[in-house]
């Protein structure tokens, strides 16, 4: 029996079905290939990122801090003995000389009435009348020359100054003994006493002028009664006068300041103010004695503080 030819509609339907199947198969293959490529790329990136940790494990290094060892000291006992010897016997400051024909000068003398080094500006100008400057000292001044005397003394003339202190418990008794010892050596002595607000004597300031030839005898005598020389200075007479005047004037300035403060608390005739004014008056007398020496290097000066100021 002969086959009947298919209708065109049937042929077209079968052709469409075949093409649709082929199309679906192609899309599935392309989708699978795409997913495989993405997965492969992800695996490659993961391997690259973690390969150093998987194949090369770093070694852990532990550092232990060890205490620093002190440098070895050789002959420690000898070193400590040498240190103790140096502390108890300090080396004196070397004396410097500026050349032939000049007087060797030591370091600036300490101020026994203030416990500080006085400044070393040139000895020029007048003493200011205002309050104490920074550091508790005035600029030194040149003391006036005695009447009829000219400033013809060489600048290198050797003038002597001795600073001493006494810290005994009996201020009044110690001051009297020191003054008596100095007078026994031929010195002229002036004393300014310092009282606290309760009226107790706590300290004294002694200024003595003595012939330079008798200075060693005077220092030996006052040392025997407890006033030991802590500083010996020598230099031009004008410089010495300026330095000592600066020391005393510094102390007067401090007392002027205390007087002004006490005026705000006490009546003008109170014993506290009277004691301060008497001390200022005595110190002014000491200052006059220093200035009276003038430019004479034949007279030595001695400043002594007793007790506490």
C-alpha atoms as a PDB file:
ATOM      1  CA  UNK A   1       0.000   0.000   0.000  1.00  0.00           C
ATOM      2  CA  UNK A   2       1.537   3.294  -0.990  1.00  0.00           C
ATOM      3  CA  UNK A   3       2.373   5.821   1.762  1.00  0.00           C
ATOM      4  CA  UNK A   4       0.334   8.956   1.718  1.00  0.00           C
ATOM      5  CA  UNK A   5       2.399  12.226   1.599  1.00  0.00           C
ATOM      6  CA  UNK A   6       2.234  14.169   4.874  1.00  0.00           C
ATOM      7  CA  UNK A   7       0.359  17.296   5.101  1.00  0.00           C
ATOM      8  CA  UNK A   8       2.451  20.471   5.059  1.00  0.00           C
ATOM      9  CA  UNK A   9       1.235  21.393   8.549  1.00  0.00           C
ATOM     10  CA  UNK A  10       2.397  18.105   9.966  1.00  0.00           C
ATOM     11  CA  UNK A  11       5.774  18.463   8.298  1.00  0.00           C
ATOM     12  CA  UNK A  12       6.237  21.920   9.736  1.00  0.00           C
ATOM     13  CA  UNK A  13       5.274  20.747  13.275  1.00  0.00           C
ATOM     14  CA  UNK A  14       7.779  17.894  13.206  1.00  0.00           C
ATOM     15  CA  UNK A  15      10.487  20.254  11.893  1.00  0.00           C
ATOM     16  CA  UNK A  16       9.765  22.744  14.671  1.00  0.00           C
ATOM     17  CA  UNK A  17       9.935  20.040  17.337  1.00  0.00           C
ATOM     18  CA  UNK A  18      13.319  18.838  16.043  1.00  0.00           C
ATOM     19  CA  UNK A  19      14.767  22.355  15.964  1.00  0.00           C
ATOM     20  CA  UNK A  20      13.422  23.140  19.436  1.00  0.00           C
ATOM     21  CA  UNK A  21      15.086  20.046  20.870  1.00  0.00           C
ATOM     22  CA  UNK A  22      18.348  20.941  19.203  1.00  0.00           C
ATOM     23  CA  UNK A  23      18.069  24.526  20.513  1.00  0.00           C
ATOM     24  CA  UNK A  24      17.435  23.381  24.082  1.00  0.00           C
ATOM     25  CA  UNK A  25      20.405  21.023  23.935  1.00  0.00           C
ATOM     26  CA  UNK A  26      22.709  23.848  22.734  1.00  0.00           C
ATOM     27  CA  UNK A  27      21.559  26.222  25.493  1.00  0.00           C
ATOM     28  CA  UNK A  28      22.147  23.554  28.133  1.00  0.00           C
ATOM     29  CA  UNK A  29      25.627  22.889  26.796  1.00  0.00           C
ATOM     30  CA  UNK A  30      26.519  26.603  26.777  1.00  0.00           C
ATOM     31  CA  UNK A  31      25.132  27.111  30.308  1.00  0.00           C
ATOM     32  CA  UNK A  32      27.085  24.136  31.621  1.00  0.00           C
ATOM     33  CA  UNK A  33      30.278  25.395  30.013  1.00  0.00           C
ATOM     34  CA  UNK A  34      29.762  28.872  31.533  1.00  0.00           C
ATOM     35  CA  UNK A  35      29.204  27.512  35.045  1.00  0.00           C
ATOM     36  CA  UNK A  36      32.236  25.240  34.719  1.00  0.00           C
ATOM     37  CA  UNK A  37      34.378  28.217  33.678  1.00  0.00           C
ATOM     38  CA  UNK A  38      33.174  30.361  36.618  1.00  0.00           C
ATOM     39  CA  UNK A  39      33.776  27.513  39.060  1.00  0.00           C
ATOM     40  CA  UNK A  40      37.242  26.891  37.683  1.00  0.00           C
ATOM     41  CA  UNK A  41      38.165  30.537  37.990  1.00  0.00           C
ATOM     42  CA  UNK A  42      36.966  30.612  41.621  1.00  0.00           C
ATOM     43  CA  UNK A  43      39.043  27.538  42.433  1.00  0.00           C
ATOM     44  CA  UNK A  44      42.139  29.096  40.837  1.00  0.00           C
ATOM     45  CA  UNK A  45      41.745  32.323  42.866  1.00  0.00           C
ATOM     46  CA  UNK A  46      41.281  30.376  46.086  1.00  0.00           C
ATOM     47  CA  UNK A  47      44.426  28.350  45.433  1.00  0.00           C
ATOM     48  CA  UNK A  48      46.479  31.468  44.621  1.00  0.00           C
ATOM     49  CA  UNK A  49      45.281  33.313  47.763  1.00  0.00           C
ATOM     50  CA  UNK A  50      45.962  30.462  50.192  1.00  0.00           C
ATOM     51  CA  UNK A  51      48.966  28.774  48.619  1.00  0.00           C
ATOM     52  CA  UNK A  52      51.556  30.617  50.843  1.00  0.00           C
ATOM     53  CA  UNK A  53      49.791  29.503  53.993  1.00  0.00           C
ATOM     54  CA  UNK A  54      49.347  25.935  52.821  1.00  0.00           C
ATOM     55  CA  UNK A  55      52.824  25.299  51.479  1.00  0.00           C
ATOM     56  CA  UNK A  56      55.069  27.820  53.370  1.00  0.00           C
ATOM     57  CA  UNK A  57      54.335  27.937  57.101  1.00  0.00           C
ATOM     58  CA  UNK A  58      56.199  30.879  58.796  1.00  0.00           C
ATOM     59  CA  UNK A  59      58.398  30.091  61.749  1.00  0.00           C
ATOM     60  CA  UNK A  60      57.417  31.739  65.038  1.00  0.00           C
ATOM     61  CA  UNK A  61      60.348  33.491  66.701  1.00  0.00           C
ATOM     62  CA  UNK A  62      60.030  34.169  70.451  1.00  0.00           C
ATOM     63  CA  UNK A  63      62.191  37.005  71.799  1.00  0.00           C
ATOM     64  CA  UNK A  64      62.964  36.985  75.494  1.00  0.00           C
ATOM     65  CA  UNK A  65      64.020  40.293  77.103  1.00  0.00           C
ATOM     66  CA  UNK A  66      67.105  39.752  79.191  1.00  0.00           C
ATOM     67  CA  UNK A  67      68.012  42.233  81.935  1.00  0.00           C
ATOM     68  CA  UNK A  68      70.883  44.531  81.081  1.00  0.00           C
ATOM     69  CA  UNK A  69      74.033  43.540  82.821  1.00  0.00           C
ATOM     70  CA  UNK A  70      75.931  46.321  84.571  1.00  0.00           C
ATOM     71  CA  UNK A  71      79.381  47.046  83.318  1.00  0.00           C
ATOM     72  CA  UNK A  72      81.971  45.237  85.376  1.00  0.00           C
ATOM     73  CA  UNK A  73      83.705  47.420  87.931  1.00  0.00           C
ATOM     74  CA  UNK A  74      87.294  46.603  88.584  1.00  0.00           C
ATOM     75  CA  UNK A  75      88.550  47.003  92.089  1.00  0.00           C
ATOM     76  CA  UNK A  76      85.135  48.156  93.363  1.00  0.00           C
ATOM     77  CA  UNK A  77      86.351  48.609  96.921  1.00  0.00           C
ATOM     78  CA  UNK A  78      89.145  50.905  95.742  1.00  0.00           C
ATOM     79  CA  UNK A  79      86.737  52.886  93.572  1.00  0.00           C
ATOM     80  CA  UNK A  80      84.288  53.427  96.436  1.00  0.00           C
ATOM     81  CA  UNK A  81      87.111  54.462  98.764  1.00  0.00           C
ATOM     82  CA  UNK A  82      88.356  56.973  96.192  1.00  0.00           C
ATOM     83  CA  UNK A  83      84.838  58.399  95.768  1.00  0.00           C
ATOM     84  CA  UNK A  84      84.412  58.861  99.512  1.00  0.00           C
ATOM     85  CA  UNK A  85      87.793  60.570  99.701  1.00  0.00           C
ATOM     86  CA  UNK A  86      86.887  62.976  96.886  1.00  0.00           C
ATOM     87  CA  UNK A  87      83.517  63.804  98.483  1.00  0.00           C
ATOM     88  CA  UNK A  88      85.019  64.611 101.874  1.00  0.00           C
ATOM     89  CA  UNK A  89      87.979  66.545 100.415  1.00  0.00           C
ATOM     90  CA  UNK A  90      86.741  68.499  97.369  1.00  0.00           C
ATOM     91  CA  UNK A  91      89.412  69.904  95.141  1.00  0.00           C
ATOM     92  CA  UNK A  92      89.827  73.668  95.459  1.00  0.00           C
ATOM     93  CA  UNK A  93      88.978  75.884  92.531  1.00  0.00           C
ATOM     94  CA  UNK A  94      92.193  76.707  90.661  1.00  0.00           C
ATOM     95  CA  UNK A  95      93.282  80.328  90.846  1.00  0.00           C
ATOM     96  CA  UNK A  96      93.569  82.005  87.460  1.00  0.00           C
ATOM     97  CA  UNK A  97      95.886  84.811  86.532  1.00  0.00           C
ATOM     98  CA  UNK A  98      95.409  87.083  83.550  1.00  0.00           C
ATOM     99  CA  UNK A  99      99.128  87.654  83.053  1.00  0.00           C
ATOM    100  CA  UNK A 100     102.253  88.995  84.682  1.00  0.00           C
ATOM    101  CA  UNK A 101     101.809  91.878  87.081  1.00  0.00           C
ATOM    102  CA  UNK A 102      98.168  91.046  87.898  1.00  0.00           C
ATOM    103  CA  UNK A 103      96.689  89.748  91.125  1.00  0.00           C
ATOM    104  CA  UNK A 104      95.396  86.177  91.066  1.00  0.00           C
ATOM    105  CA  UNK A 105      91.661  86.192  91.800  1.00  0.00           C
ATOM    106  CA  UNK A 106      89.484  83.420  93.176  1.00  0.00           C
ATOM    107  CA  UNK A 107      85.819  82.835  92.371  1.00  0.00           C
ATOM    108  CA  UNK A 108      83.252  85.444  93.505  1.00  0.00           C
ATOM    109  CA  UNK A 109      82.809  85.400  97.304  1.00  0.00           C
ATOM    110  CA  UNK A 110      79.595  84.057  98.742  1.00  0.00           C
ATOM    111  CA  UNK A 111      77.166  86.346 100.544  1.00  0.00           C
ATOM    112  CA  UNK A 112      76.951  85.299 104.227  1.00  0.00           C
ATOM    113  CA  UNK A 113      73.904  87.516 104.756  1.00  0.00           C
ATOM    114  CA  UNK A 114      71.869  85.955 101.941  1.00  0.00           C
ATOM    115  CA  UNK A 115      73.461  82.557 101.256  1.00  0.00           C
ATOM    116  CA  UNK A 116      73.847  83.197  97.514  1.00  0.00           C
ATOM    117  CA  UNK A 117      76.542  84.209  95.046  1.00  0.00           C
ATOM    118  CA  UNK A 118      76.426  87.906  94.300  1.00  0.00           C
ATOM    119  CA  UNK A 119      76.374  88.933  90.674  1.00  0.00           C
ATOM    120  CA  UNK A 120      79.594  89.799  88.879  1.00  0.00           C
ATOM    121  CA  UNK A 121      78.594  92.728  86.671  1.00  0.00           C
ATOM    122  CA  UNK A 122      81.126  95.589  86.393  1.00  0.00           C
ATOM    123  CA  UNK A 123      81.366  97.687  89.530  1.00  0.00           C
ATOM    124  CA  UNK A 124      79.637 100.757  88.074  1.00  0.00           C
ATOM    125  CA  UNK A 125      76.604 102.898  88.904  1.00  0.00           C
ATOM    126  CA  UNK A 126      74.771 103.734  92.097  1.00  0.00           C
ATOM    127  CA  UNK A 127      72.953 101.442  94.494  1.00  0.00           C
ATOM    128  CA  UNK A 128      69.227 101.298  93.613  1.00  0.00           C
ATOM    129  CA  UNK A 129      66.758 102.185  96.336  1.00  0.00           C
ATOM    130  CA  UNK A 130      63.980  99.878  95.107  1.00  0.00           C
ATOM    131  CA  UNK A 131      63.196  96.293  96.206  1.00  0.00           C
ATOM    132  CA  UNK A 132      65.625  93.420  95.944  1.00  0.00           C
ATOM    133  CA  UNK A 133      66.233  92.350  92.384  1.00  0.00           C
ATOM    134  CA  UNK A 134      65.990  88.880  90.905  1.00  0.00           C
ATOM    135  CA  UNK A 135      68.295  86.464  92.701  1.00  0.00           C
ATOM    136  CA  UNK A 136      68.159  88.510  95.929  1.00  0.00           C
ATOM    137  CA  UNK A 137      71.071  90.852  95.237  1.00  0.00           C
ATOM    138  CA  UNK A 138      71.823  94.379  94.067  1.00  0.00           C
ATOM    139  CA  UNK A 139      74.420  95.295  91.510  1.00  0.00           C
ATOM    140  CA  UNK A 140      77.697  96.102  93.315  1.00  0.00           C
ATOM    141  CA  UNK A 141      78.763  99.736  93.486  1.00  0.00           C
ATOM    142  CA  UNK A 142      81.994 101.661  93.821  1.00  0.00           C
ATOM    143  CA  UNK A 143      82.279 103.057  97.372  1.00  0.00           C
ATOM    144  CA  UNK A 144      83.087 106.782  97.614  1.00  0.00           C
ATOM    145  CA  UNK A 145      86.697 107.744  98.207  1.00  0.00           C
ATOM    146  CA  UNK A 146      87.721 109.411 101.486  1.00  0.00           C
ATOM    147  CA  UNK A 147      88.117 113.178 101.358  1.00  0.00           C
ATOM    148  CA  UNK A 148      91.405 114.280  99.813  1.00  0.00           C
ATOM    149  CA  UNK A 149      92.163 110.855  98.297  1.00  0.00           C
ATOM    150  CA  UNK A 150      92.242 110.254  94.564  1.00  0.00           C
ATOM    151  CA  UNK A 151      91.570 107.092  92.671  1.00  0.00           C
ATOM    152  CA  UNK A 152      95.218 106.521  91.838  1.00  0.00           C
ATOM    153  CA  UNK A 153      95.519 103.045  93.391  1.00  0.00           C
ATOM    154  CA  UNK A 154      96.468 100.466  90.745  1.00  0.00           C
ATOM    155  CA  UNK A 155      93.531  98.295  89.681  1.00  0.00           C
ATOM    156  CA  UNK A 156      95.565  95.191  90.485  1.00  0.00           C
ATOM    157  CA  UNK A 157      96.141  96.130  94.142  1.00  0.00           C
ATOM    158  CA  UNK A 158      95.520  93.107  96.368  1.00  0.00           C
ATOM    159  CA  UNK A 159      92.625  93.637  98.820  1.00  0.00           C
ATOM    160  CA  UNK A 160      91.493  90.871 101.171  1.00  0.00           C
ATOM    161  CA  UNK A 161      88.040  89.717 102.197  1.00  0.00           C
ATOM    162  CA  UNK A 162      87.139  86.851 104.544  1.00  0.00           C
ATOM    163  CA  UNK A 163      83.672  85.292 104.785  1.00  0.00           C
ATOM    164  CA  UNK A 164      82.829  83.219 107.870  1.00  0.00           C
ATOM    165  CA  UNK A 165      79.806  81.562 109.473  1.00  0.00           C
ATOM    166  CA  UNK A 166      78.891  80.338 112.921  1.00  0.00           C
ATOM    167  CA  UNK A 167      75.906  78.089 113.589  1.00  0.00           C
ATOM    168  CA  UNK A 168      76.112  77.701 117.355  1.00  0.00           C
ATOM    169  CA  UNK A 169      72.990  77.493 119.505  1.00  0.00           C
ATOM    170  CA  UNK A 170      73.665  80.644 121.537  1.00  0.00           C
ATOM    171  CA  UNK A 171      73.482  83.492 119.039  1.00  0.00           C
ATOM    172  CA  UNK A 172      74.028  86.313 121.526  1.00  0.00           C
ATOM    173  CA  UNK A 173      76.857  84.563 123.382  1.00  0.00           C
ATOM    174  CA  UNK A 174      78.565  83.421 120.184  1.00  0.00           C
ATOM    175  CA  UNK A 175      78.339  86.927 118.699  1.00  0.00           C
ATOM    176  CA  UNK A 176      79.935  88.468 121.770  1.00  0.00           C
ATOM    177  CA  UNK A 177      82.770  85.928 121.799  1.00  0.00           C
ATOM    178  CA  UNK A 178      83.472  86.452 118.098  1.00  0.00           C
ATOM    179  CA  UNK A 179      83.432  90.238 118.459  1.00  0.00           C
ATOM    180  CA  UNK A 180      85.753  90.029 121.465  1.00  0.00           C
ATOM    181  CA  UNK A 181      88.169  87.764 119.566  1.00  0.00           C
ATOM    182  CA  UNK A 182      88.257  90.158 116.615  1.00  0.00           C
ATOM    183  CA  UNK A 183      88.805  93.197 118.818  1.00  0.00           C
ATOM    184  CA  UNK A 184      91.663  91.317 120.488  1.00  0.00           C
ATOM    185  CA  UNK A 185      93.352  91.127 117.078  1.00  0.00           C
ATOM    186  CA  UNK A 186      92.911  94.864 116.522  1.00  0.00           C
ATOM    187  CA  UNK A 187      89.685  94.881 114.507  1.00  0.00           C
ATOM    188  CA  UNK A 188      86.867  97.423 114.555  1.00  0.00           C
ATOM    189  CA  UNK A 189      83.596  95.479 114.870  1.00  0.00           C
ATOM    190  CA  UNK A 190      79.963  96.331 114.130  1.00  0.00           C
ATOM    191  CA  UNK A 191      77.020  93.994 114.794  1.00  0.00           C
ATOM    192  CA  UNK A 192      73.450  93.994 113.442  1.00  0.00           C
ATOM    193  CA  UNK A 193      71.138  91.593 115.268  1.00  0.00           C
ATOM    194  CA  UNK A 194      68.133  89.862 113.732  1.00  0.00           C
ATOM    195  CA  UNK A 195      64.944  89.083 115.691  1.00  0.00           C
ATOM    196  CA  UNK A 196      61.938  86.976 114.720  1.00  0.00           C
ATOM    197  CA  UNK A 197      58.328  88.151 115.140  1.00  0.00           C
ATOM    198  CA  UNK A 198      58.176  86.583 118.591  1.00  0.00           C
ATOM    199  CA  UNK A 199      61.038  88.818 119.713  1.00  0.00           C
ATOM    200  CA  UNK A 200      63.662  86.067 119.854  1.00  0.00           C
ATOM    201  CA  UNK A 201      67.229  86.707 118.709  1.00  0.00           C
ATOM    202  CA  UNK A 202      67.896  84.280 115.838  1.00  0.00           C
ATOM    203  CA  UNK A 203      70.964  85.688 114.107  1.00  0.00           C
ATOM    204  CA  UNK A 204      73.665  88.336 113.884  1.00  0.00           C
ATOM    205  CA  UNK A 205      75.568  89.998 111.078  1.00  0.00           C
ATOM    206  CA  UNK A 206      79.103  91.046 111.934  1.00  0.00           C
ATOM    207  CA  UNK A 207      81.258  93.369 109.838  1.00  0.00           C
ATOM    208  CA  UNK A 208      84.871  93.924 110.919  1.00  0.00           C
ATOM    209  CA  UNK A 209      87.665  96.037 109.478  1.00  0.00           C
ATOM    210  CA  UNK A 210      91.207  95.126 110.444  1.00  0.00           C
ATOM    211  CA  UNK A 211      94.755  95.863 109.255  1.00  0.00           C
ATOM    212  CA  UNK A 212      95.624  93.356 106.552  1.00  0.00           C
ATOM    213  CA  UNK A 213      98.786  92.397 108.450  1.00  0.00           C
ATOM    214  CA  UNK A 214      96.635  91.154 111.360  1.00  0.00           C
ATOM    215  CA  UNK A 215      94.141  89.196 109.235  1.00  0.00           C
ATOM    216  CA  UNK A 216      95.672  85.764 109.900  1.00  0.00           C
ATOM    217  CA  UNK A 217      95.670  86.404 113.625  1.00  0.00           C
ATOM    218  CA  UNK A 218      92.042  87.525 113.517  1.00  0.00           C
ATOM    219  CA  UNK A 219      90.878  84.464 111.570  1.00  0.00           C
ATOM    220  CA  UNK A 220      92.702  82.169 113.994  1.00  0.00           C
ATOM    221  CA  UNK A 221      91.067  83.877 116.975  1.00  0.00           C
ATOM    222  CA  UNK A 222      87.546  83.790 115.579  1.00  0.00           C
ATOM    223  CA  UNK A 223      87.985  80.169 114.466  1.00  0.00           C
ATOM    224  CA  UNK A 224      88.851  79.280 118.050  1.00  0.00           C
ATOM    225  CA  UNK A 225      85.421  80.542 119.168  1.00  0.00           C
ATOM    226  CA  UNK A 226      83.446  78.785 116.407  1.00  0.00           C
ATOM    227  CA  UNK A 227      83.449  81.214 113.453  1.00  0.00           C
ATOM    228  CA  UNK A 228      85.233  79.353 110.685  1.00  0.00           C
ATOM    229  CA  UNK A 229      86.302  81.087 107.490  1.00  0.00           C
ATOM    230  CA  UNK A 230      84.419  79.534 104.577  1.00  0.00           C
ATOM    231  CA  UNK A 231      85.685  81.850 101.844  1.00  0.00           C
ATOM    232  CA  UNK A 232      88.841  83.935 101.386  1.00  0.00           C
ATOM    233  CA  UNK A 233      88.840  86.353  98.475  1.00  0.00           C
ATOM    234  CA  UNK A 234      91.429  88.786  97.138  1.00  0.00           C
ATOM    235  CA  UNK A 235      91.293  91.218  94.267  1.00  0.00           C
ATOM    236  CA  UNK A 236      91.139  94.924  93.352  1.00  0.00           C
ATOM    237  CA  UNK A 237      90.107  97.162  96.244  1.00  0.00           C
ATOM    238  CA  UNK A 238      87.335  98.830  94.264  1.00  0.00           C
ATOM    239  CA  UNK A 239      85.825  95.500  93.348  1.00  0.00           C
ATOM    240  CA  UNK A 240      85.994  94.295  96.939  1.00  0.00           C
ATOM    241  CA  UNK A 241      84.247  97.418  98.203  1.00  0.00           C
ATOM    242  CA  UNK A 242      81.538  97.088  95.577  1.00  0.00           C
ATOM    243  CA  UNK A 243      80.950  93.428  96.347  1.00  0.00           C
ATOM    244  CA  UNK A 244      80.657  93.908 100.098  1.00  0.00           C
ATOM    245  CA  UNK A 245      78.445  96.983  99.690  1.00  0.00           C
ATOM    246  CA  UNK A 246      76.225  94.933  97.399  1.00  0.00           C
ATOM    247  CA  UNK A 247      75.929  92.168 100.005  1.00  0.00           C
ATOM    248  CA  UNK A 248      74.924  94.514 102.820  1.00  0.00           C
ATOM    249  CA  UNK A 249      72.612  96.545 100.597  1.00  0.00           C
ATOM    250  CA  UNK A 250      70.903  93.343  99.481  1.00  0.00           C
ATOM    251  CA  UNK A 251      70.168  92.510 103.097  1.00  0.00           C
ATOM    252  CA  UNK A 252      68.855  96.017 103.750  1.00  0.00           C
ATOM    253  CA  UNK A 253      66.560  95.718 100.743  1.00  0.00           C
ATOM    254  CA  UNK A 254      65.140  92.450 102.072  1.00  0.00           C
ATOM    255  CA  UNK A 255      64.458  94.083 105.445  1.00  0.00           C
ATOM    256  CA  UNK A 256      62.792  97.071 103.761  1.00  0.00           C
ATOM    257  CA  UNK A 257      60.449  94.653 102.051  1.00  0.00           C
ATOM    258  CA  UNK A 258      59.683  92.932 105.372  1.00  0.00           C
ATOM    259  CA  UNK A 259      59.073  96.320 106.975  1.00  0.00           C
ATOM    260  CA  UNK A 260      56.500  97.205 104.315  1.00  0.00           C
ATOM    261  CA  UNK A 261      54.687  93.905 104.866  1.00  0.00           C
ATOM    262  CA  UNK A 262      54.663  94.359 108.654  1.00  0.00           C
ATOM    263  CA  UNK A 263      53.165  97.855 108.337  1.00  0.00           C
ATOM    264  CA  UNK A 264      50.023  96.241 106.945  1.00  0.00           C
ATOM    265  CA  UNK A 265      49.668  94.031 110.026  1.00  0.00           C
ATOM    266  CA  UNK A 266      50.949  96.070 112.980  1.00  0.00           C
ATOM    267  CA  UNK A 267      50.848  99.606 114.333  1.00  0.00           C
ATOM    268  CA  UNK A 268      53.736 101.877 113.427  1.00  0.00           C
ATOM    269  CA  UNK A 269      55.221 101.686 116.943  1.00  0.00           C
ATOM    270  CA  UNK A 270      54.888  97.891 117.260  1.00  0.00           C
ATOM    271  CA  UNK A 271      57.911  95.989 118.588  1.00  0.00           C
ATOM    272  CA  UNK A 272      58.035  93.906 115.384  1.00  0.00           C
ATOM    273  CA  UNK A 273      58.574  97.032 113.275  1.00  0.00           C
ATOM    274  CA  UNK A 274      60.996  98.520 115.784  1.00  0.00           C
ATOM    275  CA  UNK A 275      63.233  95.430 115.623  1.00  0.00           C
ATOM    276  CA  UNK A 276      63.381  95.550 111.825  1.00  0.00           C
ATOM    277  CA  UNK A 277      64.190  99.253 111.774  1.00  0.00           C
ATOM    278  CA  UNK A 278      66.959  98.849 114.338  1.00  0.00           C
ATOM    279  CA  UNK A 279      68.491  96.061 112.245  1.00  0.00           C
ATOM    280  CA  UNK A 280      68.377  98.299 109.153  1.00  0.00           C
ATOM    281  CA  UNK A 281      70.037 101.105 111.125  1.00  0.00           C
ATOM    282  CA  UNK A 282      72.848  98.820 112.299  1.00  0.00           C
ATOM    283  CA  UNK A 283      73.400  97.512 108.776  1.00  0.00           C
ATOM    284  CA  UNK A 284      73.637 101.043 107.471  1.00  0.00           C
ATOM    285  CA  UNK A 285      76.404 101.623 110.015  1.00  0.00           C
ATOM    286  CA  UNK A 286      78.139  98.488 108.725  1.00  0.00           C
ATOM    287  CA  UNK A 287      77.796  99.813 105.179  1.00  0.00           C
ATOM    288  CA  UNK A 288      79.365 103.140 106.232  1.00  0.00           C
ATOM    289  CA  UNK A 289      82.291 101.271 107.796  1.00  0.00           C
ATOM    290  CA  UNK A 290      82.904  99.408 104.534  1.00  0.00           C
ATOM    291  CA  UNK A 291      82.775 102.618 102.525  1.00  0.00           C
ATOM    292  CA  UNK A 292      85.138 104.331 104.936  1.00  0.00           C
ATOM    293  CA  UNK A 293      87.844 101.841 103.987  1.00  0.00           C
ATOM    294  CA  UNK A 294      87.803 103.361 100.512  1.00  0.00           C
ATOM    295  CA  UNK A 295      90.556 102.170  98.216  1.00  0.00           C
ATOM    296  CA  UNK A 296      92.976 101.154 100.952  1.00  0.00           C
ATOM    297  CA  UNK A 297      94.264  97.639 100.485  1.00  0.00           C
ATOM    298  CA  UNK A 298      95.978  97.875 103.873  1.00  0.00           C
ATOM    299  CA  UNK A 299      92.629  97.220 105.550  1.00  0.00           C
ATOM    300  CA  UNK A 300      91.031  93.791 105.312  1.00  0.00           C
ATOM    301  CA  UNK A 301      87.289  93.131 105.621  1.00  0.00           C
ATOM    302  CA  UNK A 302      85.651  90.283 107.524  1.00  0.00           C
ATOM    303  CA  UNK A 303      81.942  89.376 107.192  1.00  0.00           C
ATOM    304  CA  UNK A 304      80.431  86.855 109.604  1.00  0.00           C
ATOM    305  CA  UNK A 305      76.896  85.511 109.874  1.00  0.00           C
ATOM    306  CA  UNK A 306      75.840  83.927 113.178  1.00  0.00           C
ATOM    307  CA  UNK A 307      72.774  81.759 113.589  1.00  0.00           C
ATOM    308  CA  UNK A 308      69.868  82.057 111.170  1.00  0.00           C
ATOM    309  CA  UNK A 309      68.767  85.147 109.237  1.00  0.00           C
END
